[in-house]
Amino acid sequence: MNIKETVLEIIEDLTGTDYTDQLDTDLYEDGTLDSMATVQMLVEIDGQLGITVPVSEYERSEWATPAMIITQVEALQS
């Protein structure tokens, strides 16, 4: 499974919504993600992909949409 599929699956598991066709939806603006869901998402990314997201470097504005989350996780993989 690739990063995009895994991230979308994690978001769907957390929110109950499939964002495959809604990659530019702002998950914070629409109330889908809050601080608790964000922590859960980061824990799942670490657990499923082995990619640790440093919380000190987490900027909500850079992780607001599924597309941005995928881009950030791919960058951390490098």
C-alpha atoms as a PDB file:
ATOM      1  CA  MET A   1       0.000   0.000   0.000  1.00  0.00           C
ATOM      2  CA  ASN A   2       1.382   3.416  -0.858  1.00  0.00           C
ATOM      3  CA  ILE A   3       1.437   6.548   1.277  1.00  0.00           C
ATOM      4  CA  LYS A   4      -1.525   8.190  -0.454  1.00  0.00           C
ATOM      5  CA  GLU A   5      -3.774   5.162  -0.008  1.00  0.00           C
ATOM      6  CA  THR A   6      -2.693   4.651   3.586  1.00  0.00           C
ATOM      7  CA  VAL A   7      -3.200   8.297   4.560  1.00  0.00           C
ATOM      8  CA  LEU A   8      -6.632   8.372   2.941  1.00  0.00           C
ATOM      9  CA  GLU A   9      -7.545   5.160   4.756  1.00  0.00           C
ATOM     10  CA  ILE A  10      -6.393   6.624   8.084  1.00  0.00           C
ATOM     11  CA  ILE A  11      -8.452   9.778   7.509  1.00  0.00           C
ATOM     12  CA  GLU A  12     -11.480   7.685   6.547  1.00  0.00           C
ATOM     13  CA  ASP A  13     -11.102   5.507   9.638  1.00  0.00           C
ATOM     14  CA  LEU A  14     -10.936   8.615  11.854  1.00  0.00           C
ATOM     15  CA  THR A  15     -13.720  10.580  10.197  1.00  0.00           C
ATOM     16  CA  GLY A  16     -15.995   8.029   8.565  1.00  0.00           C
ATOM     17  CA  THR A  17     -15.658   9.921   5.267  1.00  0.00           C
ATOM     18  CA  ASP A  18     -13.857   8.880   2.104  1.00  0.00           C
ATOM     19  CA  TYR A  19     -11.834  11.882   0.879  1.00  0.00           C
ATOM     20  CA  THR A  20     -10.440  10.193  -2.240  1.00  0.00           C
ATOM     21  CA  ASP A  21     -12.306  12.647  -4.471  1.00  0.00           C
ATOM     22  CA  GLN A  22     -12.091  15.555  -2.019  1.00  0.00           C
ATOM     23  CA  LEU A  23      -8.349  15.995  -1.615  1.00  0.00           C
ATOM     24  CA  ASP A  24      -8.570  19.781  -1.257  1.00  0.00           C
ATOM     25  CA  THR A  25     -11.166  19.834   1.530  1.00  0.00           C
ATOM     26  CA  ASP A  26      -9.943  21.787   4.568  1.00  0.00           C
ATOM     27  CA  LEU A  27     -10.435  19.239   7.339  1.00  0.00           C
ATOM     28  CA  TYR A  28     -10.019  21.801  10.120  1.00  0.00           C
ATOM     29  CA  GLU A  29     -12.257  24.429   8.604  1.00  0.00           C
ATOM     30  CA  ASP A  30     -15.119  21.988   8.126  1.00  0.00           C
ATOM     31  CA  GLY A  31     -14.679  20.587  11.648  1.00  0.00           C
ATOM     32  CA  THR A  32     -13.589  17.120  10.536  1.00  0.00           C
ATOM     33  CA  LEU A  33     -10.267  17.251  12.384  1.00  0.00           C
ATOM     34  CA  ASP A  34      -9.744  18.670  15.838  1.00  0.00           C
ATOM     35  CA  SER A  35      -6.741  18.427  18.142  1.00  0.00           C
ATOM     36  CA  MET A  36      -7.612  14.928  19.390  1.00  0.00           C
ATOM     37  CA  ALA A  37      -8.235  13.566  15.886  1.00  0.00           C
ATOM     38  CA  THR A  38      -4.964  15.158  14.757  1.00  0.00           C
ATOM     39  CA  VAL A  39      -3.020  13.308  17.443  1.00  0.00           C
ATOM     40  CA  GLN A  40      -4.775  10.061  16.515  1.00  0.00           C
ATOM     41  CA  MET A  41      -3.924  10.634  12.857  1.00  0.00           C
ATOM     42  CA  LEU A  42      -0.252  11.238  13.645  1.00  0.00           C
ATOM     43  CA  VAL A  43      -0.104   8.107  15.817  1.00  0.00           C
ATOM     44  CA  GLU A  44      -1.656   6.046  12.998  1.00  0.00           C
ATOM     45  CA  ILE A  45       0.761   7.486  10.421  1.00  0.00           C
ATOM     46  CA  ASP A  46       3.637   6.462  12.678  1.00  0.00           C
ATOM     47  CA  GLY A  47       2.167   3.039  13.394  1.00  0.00           C
ATOM     48  CA  GLN A  48       1.134   2.128   9.858  1.00  0.00           C
ATOM     49  CA  LEU A  49       3.881   3.815   7.848  1.00  0.00           C
ATOM     50  CA  GLY A  50       6.702   4.081  10.370  1.00  0.00           C
ATOM     51  CA  ILE A  51       6.927   7.824   9.692  1.00  0.00           C
ATOM     52  CA  THR A  52       7.164   9.978  12.793  1.00  0.00           C
ATOM     53  CA  VAL A  53       5.756  13.475  12.488  1.00  0.00           C
ATOM     54  CA  PRO A  54       7.506  15.810  14.937  1.00  0.00           C
ATOM     55  CA  VAL A  55       4.667  17.564  16.759  1.00  0.00           C
ATOM     56  CA  SER A  56       6.898  20.608  17.261  1.00  0.00           C
ATOM     57  CA  GLU A  57       7.053  21.010  13.483  1.00  0.00           C
ATOM     58  CA  TYR A  58       3.346  20.405  12.879  1.00  0.00           C
ATOM     59  CA  GLU A  59       1.716  23.478  11.377  1.00  0.00           C
ATOM     60  CA  ARG A  60      -2.032  23.139  10.956  1.00  0.00           C
ATOM     61  CA  SER A  61      -1.956  25.360   7.850  1.00  0.00           C
ATOM     62  CA  GLU A  62       0.445  22.901   6.175  1.00  0.00           C
ATOM     63  CA  TRP A  63      -1.649  19.829   7.074  1.00  0.00           C
ATOM     64  CA  ALA A  64      -5.167  21.159   6.449  1.00  0.00           C
ATOM     65  CA  THR A  65      -6.261  19.032   3.467  1.00  0.00           C
ATOM     66  CA  PRO A  66      -5.825  15.359   2.579  1.00  0.00           C
ATOM     67  CA  ALA A  67      -3.539  16.409  -0.310  1.00  0.00           C
ATOM     68  CA  MET A  68      -1.368  18.458   2.062  1.00  0.00           C
ATOM     69  CA  ILE A  69      -1.195  15.615   4.571  1.00  0.00           C
ATOM     70  CA  ILE A  70      -0.069  13.212   1.843  1.00  0.00           C
ATOM     71  CA  THR A  71       2.586  15.700   0.640  1.00  0.00           C
ATOM     72  CA  GLN A  72       3.917  16.257   4.167  1.00  0.00           C
ATOM     73  CA  VAL A  73       4.090  12.524   4.939  1.00  0.00           C
ATOM     74  CA  GLU A  74       5.877  11.850   1.628  1.00  0.00           C
ATOM     75  CA  ALA A  75       8.388  14.602   2.462  1.00  0.00           C
ATOM     76  CA  LEU A  76       9.046  13.083   5.900  1.00  0.00           C
ATOM     77  CA  GLN A  77       9.641   9.685   4.324  1.00  0.00           C
ATOM     78  CA  SER A  78      12.663  11.008   2.431  1.00  0.00           C
END
